[in-house]
Amino acid sequence: MVMPTIHVVLVEDDTFLATIYKTKFEMEGFKVTLATDGETALIEIKKKKPDIVLLDILLPRLDGFTVLTRLKQDKSTVTIPVIILTNLGQKEDVAKGLDLGAADYLIKAHFRPTEIVEKVNQVLGR
């Protein structure tokens, strides 16, 4: 049985990191849409209805917490799992992200791209 292609929207303003993550996910058979700011992220997520979103917090135009809040308030995107992928590791930030409805909260520095792919598969129950 062939697994359907999983579509990830990656919201990351650091082009170097975004390229690393995008390449890793594509090597694993995922379809990746990249957004480099919060406003573009919201547009892309609403338009494409991905299976999962990887969301940075520190972003131009709209921060990740605002993006997450809007996704969870919108009937058309409320069920899309969001994994926060950031370098903000303060307890308050983690708690806020999870309280706003994130499926998981990953600190970039603590996870290799391979582990992030594994987390996505876990959240999606694969």
PDB file of N, CA and C in Angstrom:
ATOM      1  N   MET A   1       0.832  -1.187   0.000  1.00  0.00           N
ATOM      2  CA  MET A   1       0.000   0.000   0.000  1.00  0.00           C
ATOM      3  C   MET A   1       0.876   1.250   0.000  1.00  0.00           C
ATOM      4  N   VAL A   2       0.605   2.162  -0.892  1.00  0.00           N
ATOM      5  CA  VAL A   2       1.385   3.390  -0.975  1.00  0.00           C
ATOM      6  C   VAL A   2       0.740   4.444  -0.084  1.00  0.00           C
ATOM      7  N   MET A   3       1.572   5.043   0.764  1.00  0.00           N
ATOM      8  CA  MET A   3       1.067   6.109   1.632  1.00  0.00           C
ATOM      9  C   MET A   3       0.857   7.360   0.784  1.00  0.00           C
ATOM     10  N   PRO A   4      -0.242   8.085   1.002  1.00  0.00           N
ATOM     11  CA  PRO A   4      -0.427   9.319   0.244  1.00  0.00           C
ATOM     12  C   PRO A   4       0.660  10.332   0.617  1.00  0.00           C
ATOM     13  N   THR A   5       0.999  11.207  -0.307  1.00  0.00           N
ATOM     14  CA  THR A   5       2.008  12.218  -0.039  1.00  0.00           C
ATOM     15  C   THR A   5       1.495  13.175   1.023  1.00  0.00           C
ATOM     16  N   ILE A   6       2.322  13.392   2.020  1.00  0.00           N
ATOM     17  CA  ILE A   6       1.975  14.323   3.091  1.00  0.00           C
ATOM     18  C   ILE A   6       2.434  15.719   2.675  1.00  0.00           C
ATOM     19  N   HIS A   7       1.531  16.680   2.818  1.00  0.00           N
ATOM     20  CA  HIS A   7       1.848  18.059   2.465  1.00  0.00           C
ATOM     21  C   HIS A   7       2.145  18.852   3.736  1.00  0.00           C
ATOM     22  N   VAL A   8       3.335  19.437   3.775  1.00  0.00           N
ATOM     23  CA  VAL A   8       3.786  20.233   4.912  1.00  0.00           C
ATOM     24  C   VAL A   8       3.894  21.690   4.474  1.00  0.00           C
ATOM     25  N   VAL A   9       3.344  22.600   5.272  1.00  0.00           N
ATOM     26  CA  VAL A   9       3.672  24.012   5.065  1.00  0.00           C
ATOM     27  C   VAL A   9       4.722  24.349   6.117  1.00  0.00           C
ATOM     28  N   LEU A  10       5.887  24.775   5.638  1.00  0.00           N
ATOM     29  CA  LEU A  10       7.011  25.129   6.492  1.00  0.00           C
ATOM     30  C   LEU A  10       7.081  26.648   6.563  1.00  0.00           C
ATOM     31  N   VAL A  11       6.935  27.178   7.763  1.00  0.00           N
ATOM     32  CA  VAL A  11       6.957  28.631   7.957  1.00  0.00           C
ATOM     33  C   VAL A  11       8.262  28.979   8.661  1.00  0.00           C
ATOM     34  N   GLU A  12       9.206  29.495   7.885  1.00  0.00           N
ATOM     35  CA  GLU A  12      10.565  29.735   8.389  1.00  0.00           C
ATOM     36  C   GLU A  12      11.170  30.889   7.598  1.00  0.00           C
ATOM     37  N   ASP A  13      11.601  31.942   8.298  1.00  0.00           N
ATOM     38  CA  ASP A  13      12.160  33.097   7.602  1.00  0.00           C
ATOM     39  C   ASP A  13      13.667  33.003   7.372  1.00  0.00           C
ATOM     40  N   ASP A  14      14.329  32.039   7.990  1.00  0.00           N
ATOM     41  CA  ASP A  14      15.761  31.832   7.770  1.00  0.00           C
ATOM     42  C   ASP A  14      15.917  30.926   6.541  1.00  0.00           C
ATOM     43  N   THR A  15      16.354  31.528   5.435  1.00  0.00           N
ATOM     44  CA  THR A  15      16.405  30.774   4.170  1.00  0.00           C
ATOM     45  C   THR A  15      17.332  29.573   4.248  1.00  0.00           C
ATOM     46  N   PHE A  16      18.445  29.699   4.958  1.00  0.00           N
ATOM     47  CA  PHE A  16      19.374  28.586   5.081  1.00  0.00           C
ATOM     48  C   PHE A  16      18.689  27.402   5.763  1.00  0.00           C
ATOM     49  N   LEU A  17      18.070  27.659   6.921  1.00  0.00           N
ATOM     50  CA  LEU A  17      17.363  26.594   7.646  1.00  0.00           C
ATOM     51  C   LEU A  17      16.188  26.056   6.836  1.00  0.00           C
ATOM     52  N   ALA A  18      15.445  26.950   6.228  1.00  0.00           N
ATOM     53  CA  ALA A  18      14.278  26.542   5.441  1.00  0.00           C
ATOM     54  C   ALA A  18      14.697  25.564   4.344  1.00  0.00           C
ATOM     55  N   THR A  19      15.808  25.851   3.687  1.00  0.00           N
ATOM     56  CA  THR A  19      16.309  24.977   2.615  1.00  0.00           C
ATOM     57  C   THR A  19      16.698  23.612   3.162  1.00  0.00           C
ATOM     58  N   ILE A  20      17.361  23.591   4.319  1.00  0.00           N
ATOM     59  CA  ILE A  20      17.757  22.317   4.939  1.00  0.00           C
ATOM     60  C   ILE A  20      16.515  21.475   5.255  1.00  0.00           C
ATOM     61  N   TYR A  21      15.533  22.086   5.932  1.00  0.00           N
ATOM     62  CA  TYR A  21      14.321  21.348   6.294  1.00  0.00           C
ATOM     63  C   TYR A  21      13.550  20.902   5.058  1.00  0.00           C
ATOM     64  N   LYS A  22      13.392  21.805   4.103  1.00  0.00           N
ATOM     65  CA  LYS A  22      12.630  21.500   2.886  1.00  0.00           C
ATOM     66  C   LYS A  22      13.270  20.312   2.160  1.00  0.00           C
ATOM     67  N   THR A  23      14.584  20.364   2.009  1.00  0.00           N
ATOM     68  CA  THR A  23      15.314  19.284   1.321  1.00  0.00           C
ATOM     69  C   THR A  23      15.120  17.960   2.045  1.00  0.00           C
ATOM     70  N   LYS A  24      15.244  17.986   3.366  1.00  0.00           N
ATOM     71  CA  LYS A  24      15.102  16.753   4.161  1.00  0.00           C
ATOM     72  C   LYS A  24      13.699  16.163   4.002  1.00  0.00           C
ATOM     73  N   PHE A  25      12.680  17.016   4.119  1.00  0.00           N
ATOM     74  CA  PHE A  25      11.304  16.522   3.978  1.00  0.00           C
ATOM     75  C   PHE A  25      11.047  15.992   2.575  1.00  0.00           C
ATOM     76  N   GLU A  26      11.558  16.678   1.560  1.00  0.00           N
ATOM     77  CA  GLU A  26      11.352  16.204   0.186  1.00  0.00           C
ATOM     78  C   GLU A  26      12.067  14.880  -0.049  1.00  0.00           C
ATOM     79  N   MET A  27      13.250  14.703   0.544  1.00  0.00           N
ATOM     80  CA  MET A  27      13.963  13.423   0.434  1.00  0.00           C
ATOM     81  C   MET A  27      13.151  12.299   1.056  1.00  0.00           C
ATOM     82  N   GLU A  28      12.342  12.622   2.058  1.00  0.00           N
ATOM     83  CA  GLU A  28      11.513  11.628   2.743  1.00  0.00           C
ATOM     84  C   GLU A  28      10.152  11.457   2.061  1.00  0.00           C
ATOM     85  N   GLY A  29       9.956  12.125   0.930  1.00  0.00           N
ATOM     86  CA  GLY A  29       8.726  11.937   0.169  1.00  0.00           C
ATOM     87  C   GLY A  29       7.593  12.895   0.489  1.00  0.00           C
ATOM     88  N   PHE A  30       7.876  13.941   1.266  1.00  0.00           N
ATOM     89  CA  PHE A  30       6.856  14.932   1.598  1.00  0.00           C
ATOM     90  C   PHE A  30       6.784  16.002   0.505  1.00  0.00           C
ATOM     91  N   LYS A  31       5.618  16.611   0.384  1.00  0.00           N
ATOM     92  CA  LYS A  31       5.469  17.793  -0.455  1.00  0.00           C
ATOM     93  C   LYS A  31       5.597  18.982   0.489  1.00  0.00           C
ATOM     94  N   VAL A  32       6.422  19.974   0.125  1.00  0.00           N
ATOM     95  CA  VAL A  32       6.670  21.095   1.022  1.00  0.00           C
ATOM     96  C   VAL A  32       6.323  22.413   0.361  1.00  0.00           C
ATOM     97  N   THR A  33       5.544  23.231   1.056  1.00  0.00           N
ATOM     98  CA  THR A  33       5.304  24.602   0.642  1.00  0.00           C
ATOM     99  C   THR A  33       5.993  25.477   1.680  1.00  0.00           C
ATOM    100  N   LEU A  34       6.774  26.430   1.208  1.00  0.00           N
ATOM    101  CA  LEU A  34       7.532  27.294   2.100  1.00  0.00           C
ATOM    102  C   LEU A  34       6.877  28.661   2.203  1.00  0.00           C
ATOM    103  N   ALA A  35       6.769  29.162   3.420  1.00  0.00           N
ATOM    104  CA  ALA A  35       6.304  30.538   3.642  1.00  0.00           C
ATOM    105  C   ALA A  35       7.347  31.210   4.532  1.00  0.00           C
ATOM    106  N   THR A  36       7.740  32.441   4.183  1.00  0.00           N
ATOM    107  CA  THR A  36       8.818  33.098   4.936  1.00  0.00           C
ATOM    108  C   THR A  36       8.321  34.201   5.869  1.00  0.00           C
ATOM    109  N   ASP A  37       7.001  34.400   5.946  1.00  0.00           N
ATOM    110  CA  ASP A  37       6.450  35.342   6.921  1.00  0.00           C
ATOM    111  C   ASP A  37       5.054  34.890   7.325  1.00  0.00           C
ATOM    112  N   GLY A  38       4.563  35.452   8.418  1.00  0.00           N
ATOM    113  CA  GLY A  38       3.285  35.019   8.978  1.00  0.00           C
ATOM    114  C   GLY A  38       2.086  35.238   8.070  1.00  0.00           C
ATOM    115  N   GLU A  39       2.049  36.374   7.379  1.00  0.00           N
ATOM    116  CA  GLU A  39       0.900  36.658   6.503  1.00  0.00           C
ATOM    117  C   GLU A  39       0.832  35.673   5.340  1.00  0.00           C
ATOM    118  N   THR A  40       1.972  35.449   4.698  1.00  0.00           N
ATOM    119  CA  THR A  40       2.026  34.493   3.590  1.00  0.00           C
ATOM    120  C   THR A  40       1.644  33.102   4.089  1.00  0.00           C
ATOM    121  N   ALA A  41       2.103  32.767   5.281  1.00  0.00           N
ATOM    122  CA  ALA A  41       1.790  31.457   5.870  1.00  0.00           C
ATOM    123  C   ALA A  41       0.282  31.256   5.965  1.00  0.00           C
ATOM    124  N   LEU A  42      -0.422  32.245   6.511  1.00  0.00           N
ATOM    125  CA  LEU A  42      -1.878  32.124   6.653  1.00  0.00           C
ATOM    126  C   LEU A  42      -2.551  31.928   5.293  1.00  0.00           C
ATOM    127  N   ILE A  43      -2.121  32.694   4.308  1.00  0.00           N
ATOM    128  CA  ILE A  43      -2.700  32.595   2.955  1.00  0.00           C
ATOM    129  C   ILE A  43      -2.459  31.199   2.386  1.00  0.00           C
ATOM    130  N   GLU A  44      -1.212  30.736   2.466  1.00  0.00           N
ATOM    131  CA  GLU A  44      -0.845  29.420   1.911  1.00  0.00           C
ATOM    132  C   GLU A  44      -1.592  28.286   2.621  1.00  0.00           C
ATOM    133  N   ILE A  45      -1.683  28.367   3.938  1.00  0.00           N
ATOM    134  CA  ILE A  45      -2.335  27.303   4.711  1.00  0.00           C
ATOM    135  C   ILE A  45      -3.826  27.241   4.374  1.00  0.00           C
ATOM    136  N   LYS A  46      -4.468  28.395   4.287  1.00  0.00           N
ATOM    137  CA  LYS A  46      -5.900  28.413   3.954  1.00  0.00           C
ATOM    138  C   LYS A  46      -6.138  27.918   2.535  1.00  0.00           C
ATOM    139  N   LYS A  47      -5.244  28.261   1.630  1.00  0.00           N
ATOM    140  CA  LYS A  47      -5.397  27.889   0.229  1.00  0.00           C
ATOM    141  C   LYS A  47      -5.102  26.405   0.002  1.00  0.00           C
ATOM    142  N   LYS A  48      -4.021  25.911   0.608  1.00  0.00           N
ATOM    143  CA  LYS A  48      -3.539  24.553   0.297  1.00  0.00           C
ATOM    144  C   LYS A  48      -4.033  23.485   1.256  1.00  0.00           C
ATOM    145  N   LYS A  49      -4.529  23.870   2.444  1.00  0.00           N
ATOM    146  CA  LYS A  49      -4.990  22.890   3.447  1.00  0.00           C
ATOM    147  C   LYS A  49      -3.986  21.740   3.608  1.00  0.00           C
ATOM    148  N   PRO A  50      -2.778  22.055   4.108  1.00  0.00           N
ATOM    149  CA  PRO A  50      -1.758  21.001   4.254  1.00  0.00           C
ATOM    150  C   PRO A  50      -2.154  19.996   5.340  1.00  0.00           C
ATOM    151  N   ASP A  51      -1.416  18.892   5.397  1.00  0.00           N
ATOM    152  CA  ASP A  51      -1.648  17.883   6.428  1.00  0.00           C
ATOM    153  C   ASP A  51      -1.101  18.347   7.775  1.00  0.00           C
ATOM    154  N   ILE A  52      -0.058  19.194   7.719  1.00  0.00           N
ATOM    155  CA  ILE A  52       0.593  19.652   8.949  1.00  0.00           C
ATOM    156  C   ILE A  52       1.353  20.943   8.651  1.00  0.00           C
ATOM    157  N   VAL A  53       1.561  21.738   9.699  1.00  0.00           N
ATOM    158  CA  VAL A  53       2.298  22.996   9.573  1.00  0.00           C
ATOM    159  C   VAL A  53       3.467  22.976  10.550  1.00  0.00           C
ATOM    160  N   LEU A  54       4.645  23.352  10.055  1.00  0.00           N
ATOM    161  CA  LEU A  54       5.803  23.586  10.927  1.00  0.00           C
ATOM    162  C   LEU A  54       5.947  25.095  11.008  1.00  0.00           C
ATOM    163  N   LEU A  55       5.855  25.640  12.204  1.00  0.00           N
ATOM    164  CA  LEU A  55       5.722  27.079  12.381  1.00  0.00           C
ATOM    165  C   LEU A  55       6.790  27.662  13.291  1.00  0.00           C
ATOM    166  N   ASP A  56       7.545  28.607  12.750  1.00  0.00           N
ATOM    167  CA  ASP A  56       8.493  29.360  13.567  1.00  0.00           C
ATOM    168  C   ASP A  56       7.705  30.421  14.334  1.00  0.00           C
ATOM    169  N   ILE A  57       8.264  30.934  15.415  1.00  0.00           N
ATOM    170  CA  ILE A  57       7.585  31.986  16.180  1.00  0.00           C
ATOM    171  C   ILE A  57       8.042  33.376  15.738  1.00  0.00           C
ATOM    172  N   LEU A  58       9.350  33.551  15.637  1.00  0.00           N
ATOM    173  CA  LEU A  58       9.877  34.865  15.255  1.00  0.00           C
ATOM    174  C   LEU A  58       9.853  35.009  13.742  1.00  0.00           C
ATOM    175  N   LEU A  59       8.835  35.723  13.259  1.00  0.00           N
ATOM    176  CA  LEU A  59       8.629  35.863  11.814  1.00  0.00           C
ATOM    177  C   LEU A  59       8.332  37.312  11.468  1.00  0.00           C
ATOM    178  N   PRO A  60       8.650  37.707  10.229  1.00  0.00           N
ATOM    179  CA  PRO A  60       8.228  39.043   9.793  1.00  0.00           C
ATOM    180  C   PRO A  60       6.710  39.098   9.619  1.00  0.00           C
ATOM    181  N   ARG A  61       6.152  40.285   9.712  1.00  0.00           N
ATOM    182  CA  ARG A  61       4.743  40.609   9.457  1.00  0.00           C
ATOM    183  C   ARG A  61       3.758  40.092  10.498  1.00  0.00           C
ATOM    184  N   LEU A  62       3.714  38.808  10.763  1.00  0.00           N
ATOM    185  CA  LEU A  62       2.877  38.271  11.852  1.00  0.00           C
ATOM    186  C   LEU A  62       3.714  37.218  12.555  1.00  0.00           C
ATOM    187  N   ASP A  63       3.753  37.253  13.893  1.00  0.00           N
ATOM    188  CA  ASP A  63       4.543  36.223  14.573  1.00  0.00           C
ATOM    189  C   ASP A  63       3.787  34.886  14.602  1.00  0.00           C
ATOM    190  N   GLY A  64       4.527  33.842  14.938  1.00  0.00           N
ATOM    191  CA  GLY A  64       3.960  32.498  14.923  1.00  0.00           C
ATOM    192  C   GLY A  64       2.793  32.304  15.874  1.00  0.00           C
ATOM    193  N   PHE A  65       2.834  32.975  17.034  1.00  0.00           N
ATOM    194  CA  PHE A  65       1.718  32.841  17.976  1.00  0.00           C
ATOM    195  C   PHE A  65       0.427  33.400  17.363  1.00  0.00           C
ATOM    196  N   THR A  66       0.547  34.519  16.639  1.00  0.00           N
ATOM    197  CA  THR A  66      -0.617  35.119  15.980  1.00  0.00           C
ATOM    198  C   THR A  66      -1.130  34.192  14.877  1.00  0.00           C
ATOM    199  N   VAL A  67      -0.203  33.639  14.099  1.00  0.00           N
ATOM    200  CA  VAL A  67      -0.584  32.702  13.029  1.00  0.00           C
ATOM    201  C   VAL A  67      -1.318  31.512  13.634  1.00  0.00           C
ATOM    202  N   LEU A  68      -0.755  30.928  14.688  1.00  0.00           N
ATOM    203  CA  LEU A  68      -1.365  29.763  15.347  1.00  0.00           C
ATOM    204  C   LEU A  68      -2.766  30.096  15.865  1.00  0.00           C
ATOM    205  N   THR A  69      -2.895  31.246  16.519  1.00  0.00           N
ATOM    206  CA  THR A  69      -4.189  31.675  17.048  1.00  0.00           C
ATOM    207  C   THR A  69      -5.223  31.772  15.924  1.00  0.00           C
ATOM    208  N   ARG A  70      -4.841  32.391  14.812  1.00  0.00           N
ATOM    209  CA  ARG A  70      -5.778  32.560  13.696  1.00  0.00           C
ATOM    210  C   ARG A  70      -6.144  31.223  13.057  1.00  0.00           C
ATOM    211  N   LEU A  71      -5.175  30.314  12.955  1.00  0.00           N
ATOM    212  CA  LEU A  71      -5.464  28.989  12.385  1.00  0.00           C
ATOM    213  C   LEU A  71      -6.461  28.242  13.261  1.00  0.00           C
ATOM    214  N   LYS A  72      -6.301  28.349  14.584  1.00  0.00           N
ATOM    215  CA  LYS A  72      -7.165  27.620  15.507  1.00  0.00           C
ATOM    216  C   LYS A  72      -8.543  28.279  15.643  1.00  0.00           C
ATOM    217  N   GLN A  73      -8.677  29.537  15.209  1.00  0.00           N
ATOM    218  CA  GLN A  73      -9.980  30.213  15.265  1.00  0.00           C
ATOM    219  C   GLN A  73     -10.780  30.029  13.978  1.00  0.00           C
ATOM    220  N   ASP A  74     -10.117  29.538  12.924  1.00  0.00           N
ATOM    221  CA  ASP A  74     -10.745  29.411  11.616  1.00  0.00           C
ATOM    222  C   ASP A  74     -11.254  27.973  11.429  1.00  0.00           C
ATOM    223  N   LYS A  75     -12.555  27.823  11.166  1.00  0.00           N
ATOM    224  CA  LYS A  75     -13.141  26.481  11.006  1.00  0.00           C
ATOM    225  C   LYS A  75     -12.433  25.658   9.934  1.00  0.00           C
ATOM    226  N   SER A  76     -11.946  26.325   8.888  1.00  0.00           N
ATOM    227  CA  SER A  76     -11.347  25.589   7.768  1.00  0.00           C
ATOM    228  C   SER A  76      -9.926  25.107   8.076  1.00  0.00           C
ATOM    229  N   THR A  77      -9.286  25.639   9.135  1.00  0.00           N
ATOM    230  CA  THR A  77      -7.905  25.243   9.442  1.00  0.00           C
ATOM    231  C   THR A  77      -7.720  24.719  10.865  1.00  0.00           C
ATOM    232  N   VAL A  78      -8.784  24.714  11.658  1.00  0.00           N
ATOM    233  CA  VAL A  78      -8.662  24.362  13.075  1.00  0.00           C
ATOM    234  C   VAL A  78      -8.118  22.947  13.295  1.00  0.00           C
ATOM    235  N   THR A  79      -8.400  22.028  12.380  1.00  0.00           N
ATOM    236  CA  THR A  79      -7.975  20.634  12.590  1.00  0.00           C
ATOM    237  C   THR A  79      -6.568  20.339  12.068  1.00  0.00           C
ATOM    238  N   ILE A  80      -5.940  21.297  11.386  1.00  0.00           N
ATOM    239  CA  ILE A  80      -4.588  21.061  10.859  1.00  0.00           C
ATOM    240  C   ILE A  80      -3.593  21.107  12.020  1.00  0.00           C
ATOM    241  N   PRO A  81      -2.851  20.007  12.242  1.00  0.00           N
ATOM    242  CA  PRO A  81      -1.876  20.032  13.345  1.00  0.00           C
ATOM    243  C   PRO A  81      -0.742  21.012  13.048  1.00  0.00           C
ATOM    244  N   VAL A  82      -0.308  21.709  14.091  1.00  0.00           N
ATOM    245  CA  VAL A  82       0.787  22.669  13.973  1.00  0.00           C
ATOM    246  C   VAL A  82       1.879  22.275  14.959  1.00  0.00           C
ATOM    247  N   ILE A  83       3.091  22.128  14.445  1.00  0.00           N
ATOM    248  CA  ILE A  83       4.245  21.905  15.311  1.00  0.00           C
ATOM    249  C   ILE A  83       5.042  23.199  15.302  1.00  0.00           C
ATOM    250  N   ILE A  84       5.248  23.755  16.474  1.00  0.00           N
ATOM    251  CA  ILE A  84       6.077  24.953  16.563  1.00  0.00           C
ATOM    252  C   ILE A  84       7.533  24.507  16.499  1.00  0.00           C
ATOM    253  N   LEU A  85       8.292  25.153  15.622  1.00  0.00           N
ATOM    254  CA  LEU A  85       9.705  24.843  15.428  1.00  0.00           C
ATOM    255  C   LEU A  85      10.441  26.167  15.545  1.00  0.00           C
ATOM    256  N   THR A  86      11.059  26.402  16.703  1.00  0.00           N
ATOM    257  CA  THR A  86      11.609  27.724  16.992  1.00  0.00           C
ATOM    258  C   THR A  86      12.849  27.614  17.857  1.00  0.00           C
ATOM    259  N   ASN A  87      13.519  28.735  18.053  1.00  0.00           N
ATOM    260  CA  ASN A  87      14.610  28.766  19.017  1.00  0.00           C
ATOM    261  C   ASN A  87      14.189  29.423  20.323  1.00  0.00           C
ATOM    262  N   LEU A  88      12.921  29.831  20.410  1.00  0.00           N
ATOM    263  CA  LEU A  88      12.419  30.388  21.671  1.00  0.00           C
ATOM    264  C   LEU A  88      12.135  29.236  22.617  1.00  0.00           C
ATOM    265  N   GLY A  89      12.990  29.077  23.613  1.00  0.00           N
ATOM    266  CA  GLY A  89      12.858  27.916  24.485  1.00  0.00           C
ATOM    267  C   GLY A  89      12.396  28.214  25.886  1.00  0.00           C
ATOM    268  N   GLN A  90      11.963  29.451  26.143  1.00  0.00           N
ATOM    269  CA  GLN A  90      11.500  29.794  27.491  1.00  0.00           C
ATOM    270  C   GLN A  90      10.252  28.989  27.831  1.00  0.00           C
ATOM    271  N   LYS A  91      10.157  28.589  29.100  1.00  0.00           N
ATOM    272  CA  LYS A  91       8.984  27.823  29.547  1.00  0.00           C
ATOM    273  C   LYS A  91       7.674  28.511  29.172  1.00  0.00           C
ATOM    274  N   GLU A  92       7.636  29.850  29.329  1.00  0.00           N
ATOM    275  CA  GLU A  92       6.400  30.601  29.046  1.00  0.00           C
ATOM    276  C   GLU A  92       6.018  30.467  27.566  1.00  0.00           C
ATOM    277  N   ASP A  93       7.044  30.513  26.693  1.00  0.00           N
ATOM    278  CA  ASP A  93       6.768  30.402  25.257  1.00  0.00           C
ATOM    279  C   ASP A  93       6.222  29.026  24.913  1.00  0.00           C
ATOM    280  N   VAL A  94       6.858  27.999  25.482  1.00  0.00           N
ATOM    281  CA  VAL A  94       6.412  26.624  25.241  1.00  0.00           C
ATOM    282  C   VAL A  94       4.963  26.466  25.712  1.00  0.00           C
ATOM    283  N   ALA A  95       4.695  26.927  26.945  1.00  0.00           N
ATOM    284  CA  ALA A  95       3.344  26.818  27.508  1.00  0.00           C
ATOM    285  C   ALA A  95       2.340  27.565  26.631  1.00  0.00           C
ATOM    286  N   LYS A  96       2.703  28.765  26.199  1.00  0.00           N
ATOM    287  CA  LYS A  96       1.808  29.574  25.371  1.00  0.00           C
ATOM    288  C   LYS A  96       1.499  28.848  24.061  1.00  0.00           C
ATOM    289  N   GLY A  97       2.539  28.302  23.408  1.00  0.00           N
ATOM    290  CA  GLY A  97       2.347  27.595  22.145  1.00  0.00           C
ATOM    291  C   GLY A  97       1.413  26.407  22.294  1.00  0.00           C
ATOM    292  N   LEU A  98       1.625  25.625  23.351  1.00  0.00           N
ATOM    293  CA  LEU A  98       0.791  24.449  23.575  1.00  0.00           C
ATOM    294  C   LEU A  98      -0.631  24.854  23.973  1.00  0.00           C
ATOM    295  N   ASP A  99      -0.741  25.909  24.781  1.00  0.00           N
ATOM    296  CA  ASP A  99      -2.069  26.407  25.173  1.00  0.00           C
ATOM    297  C   ASP A  99      -2.858  26.903  23.965  1.00  0.00           C
ATOM    298  N   LEU A 100      -2.161  27.472  22.997  1.00  0.00           N
ATOM    299  CA  LEU A 100      -2.829  27.986  21.790  1.00  0.00           C
ATOM    300  C   LEU A 100      -3.228  26.863  20.830  1.00  0.00           C
ATOM    301  N   GLY A 101      -2.785  25.634  21.141  1.00  0.00           N
ATOM    302  CA  GLY A 101      -3.234  24.506  20.334  1.00  0.00           C
ATOM    303  C   GLY A 101      -2.182  23.812  19.490  1.00  0.00           C
ATOM    304  N   ALA A 102      -0.909  24.139  19.698  1.00  0.00           N
ATOM    305  CA  ALA A 102       0.144  23.450  18.938  1.00  0.00           C
ATOM    306  C   ALA A 102       0.183  21.976  19.350  1.00  0.00           C
ATOM    307  N   ALA A 103       0.439  21.099  18.379  1.00  0.00           N
ATOM    308  CA  ALA A 103       0.529  19.664  18.649  1.00  0.00           C
ATOM    309  C   ALA A 103       1.832  19.323  19.362  1.00  0.00           C
ATOM    310  N   ASP A 104       2.866  20.137  19.109  1.00  0.00           N
ATOM    311  CA  ASP A 104       4.162  19.920  19.734  1.00  0.00           C
ATOM    312  C   ASP A 104       4.954  21.211  19.651  1.00  0.00           C
ATOM    313  N   TYR A 105       6.015  21.290  20.424  1.00  0.00           N
ATOM    314  CA  TYR A 105       6.845  22.496  20.479  1.00  0.00           C
ATOM    315  C   TYR A 105       8.284  22.031  20.455  1.00  0.00           C
ATOM    316  N   LEU A 106       8.983  22.271  19.362  1.00  0.00           N
ATOM    317  CA  LEU A 106      10.356  21.797  19.209  1.00  0.00           C
ATOM    318  C   LEU A 106      11.326  22.973  19.165  1.00  0.00           C
ATOM    319  N   ILE A 107      12.417  22.843  19.906  1.00  0.00           N
ATOM    320  CA  ILE A 107      13.468  23.849  19.871  1.00  0.00           C
ATOM    321  C   ILE A 107      14.446  23.428  18.762  1.00  0.00           C
ATOM    322  N   LYS A 108      14.606  24.288  17.766  1.00  0.00           N
ATOM    323  CA  LYS A 108      15.431  23.941  16.594  1.00  0.00           C
ATOM    324  C   LYS A 108      16.792  23.376  16.977  1.00  0.00           C
ATOM    325  N   ALA A 109      17.446  24.023  17.930  1.00  0.00           N
ATOM    326  CA  ALA A 109      18.809  23.622  18.293  1.00  0.00           C
ATOM    327  C   ALA A 109      18.879  22.205  18.862  1.00  0.00           C
ATOM    328  N   HIS A 110      17.750  21.679  19.353  1.00  0.00           N
ATOM    329  CA  HIS A 110      17.750  20.363  19.998  1.00  0.00           C
ATOM    330  C   HIS A 110      17.401  19.210  19.060  1.00  0.00           C
ATOM    331  N   PHE A 111      16.992  19.526  17.842  1.00  0.00           N
ATOM    332  CA  PHE A 111      16.520  18.471  16.934  1.00  0.00           C
ATOM    333  C   PHE A 111      17.194  18.550  15.572  1.00  0.00           C
ATOM    334  N   ARG A 112      17.691  17.418  15.112  1.00  0.00           N
ATOM    335  CA  ARG A 112      18.213  17.347  13.748  1.00  0.00           C
ATOM    336  C   ARG A 112      17.020  17.235  12.795  1.00  0.00           C
ATOM    337  N   PRO A 113      17.216  17.617  11.526  1.00  0.00           N
ATOM    338  CA  PRO A 113      16.103  17.516  10.554  1.00  0.00           C
ATOM    339  C   PRO A 113      15.454  16.134  10.522  1.00  0.00           C
ATOM    340  N   THR A 114      16.251  15.074  10.645  1.00  0.00           N
ATOM    341  CA  THR A 114      15.700  13.710  10.649  1.00  0.00           C
ATOM    342  C   THR A 114      14.717  13.524  11.800  1.00  0.00           C
ATOM    343  N   GLU A 115      15.062  14.065  12.964  1.00  0.00           N
ATOM    344  CA  GLU A 115      14.192  13.931  14.140  1.00  0.00           C
ATOM    345  C   GLU A 115      12.905  14.740  13.958  1.00  0.00           C
ATOM    346  N   ILE A 116      13.004  15.843  13.248  1.00  0.00           N
ATOM    347  CA  ILE A 116      11.820  16.663  12.993  1.00  0.00           C
ATOM    348  C   ILE A 116      10.862  15.906  12.068  1.00  0.00           C
ATOM    349  N   VAL A 117      11.410  15.230  11.071  1.00  0.00           N
ATOM    350  CA  VAL A 117      10.592  14.386  10.188  1.00  0.00           C
ATOM    351  C   VAL A 117       9.899  13.309  11.019  1.00  0.00           C
ATOM    352  N   GLU A 118      10.640  12.684  11.945  1.00  0.00           N
ATOM    353  CA  GLU A 118      10.051  11.650  12.812  1.00  0.00           C
ATOM    354  C   GLU A 118       8.908  12.217  13.651  1.00  0.00           C
ATOM    355  N   LYS A 119       9.102  13.428  14.190  1.00  0.00           N
ATOM    356  CA  LYS A 119       8.058  14.075  14.989  1.00  0.00           C
ATOM    357  C   LYS A 119       6.795  14.298  14.155  1.00  0.00           C
ATOM    358  N   VAL A 120       6.988  14.757  12.931  1.00  0.00           N
ATOM    359  CA  VAL A 120       5.843  14.997  12.031  1.00  0.00           C
ATOM    360  C   VAL A 120       5.102  13.691  11.815  1.00  0.00           C
ATOM    361  N   ASN A 121       5.832  12.623  11.546  1.00  0.00           N
ATOM    362  CA  ASN A 121       5.197  11.312  11.358  1.00  0.00           C
ATOM    363  C   ASN A 121       4.448  10.874  12.614  1.00  0.00           C
ATOM    364  N   GLN A 122       5.032  11.132  13.792  1.00  0.00           N
ATOM    365  CA  GLN A 122       4.369  10.786  15.063  1.00  0.00           C
ATOM    366  C   GLN A 122       3.058  11.549  15.204  1.00  0.00           C
ATOM    367  N   VAL A 123       3.113  12.858  14.994  1.00  0.00           N
ATOM    368  CA  VAL A 123       1.917  13.694  15.159  1.00  0.00           C
ATOM    369  C   VAL A 123       0.823  13.248  14.183  1.00  0.00           C
ATOM    370  N   LEU A 124       1.238  12.841  12.989  1.00  0.00           N
ATOM    371  CA  LEU A 124       0.263  12.404  11.982  1.00  0.00           C
ATOM    372  C   LEU A 124      -0.118  10.935  12.144  1.00  0.00           C
ATOM    373  N   GLY A 125       0.461  10.275  13.159  1.00  0.00           N
ATOM    374  CA  GLY A 125       0.120   8.877  13.439  1.00  0.00           C
ATOM    375  C   GLY A 125       0.597   7.919  12.375  1.00  0.00           C
ATOM    376  N   ARG A 126       1.785   8.194  11.797  1.00  0.00           N
ATOM    377  CA  ARG A 126       2.327   7.314  10.753  1.00  0.00           C
ATOM    378  C   ARG A 126       3.445   6.454  11.284  1.00  0.00           C
TER     379      ARG A 126
END
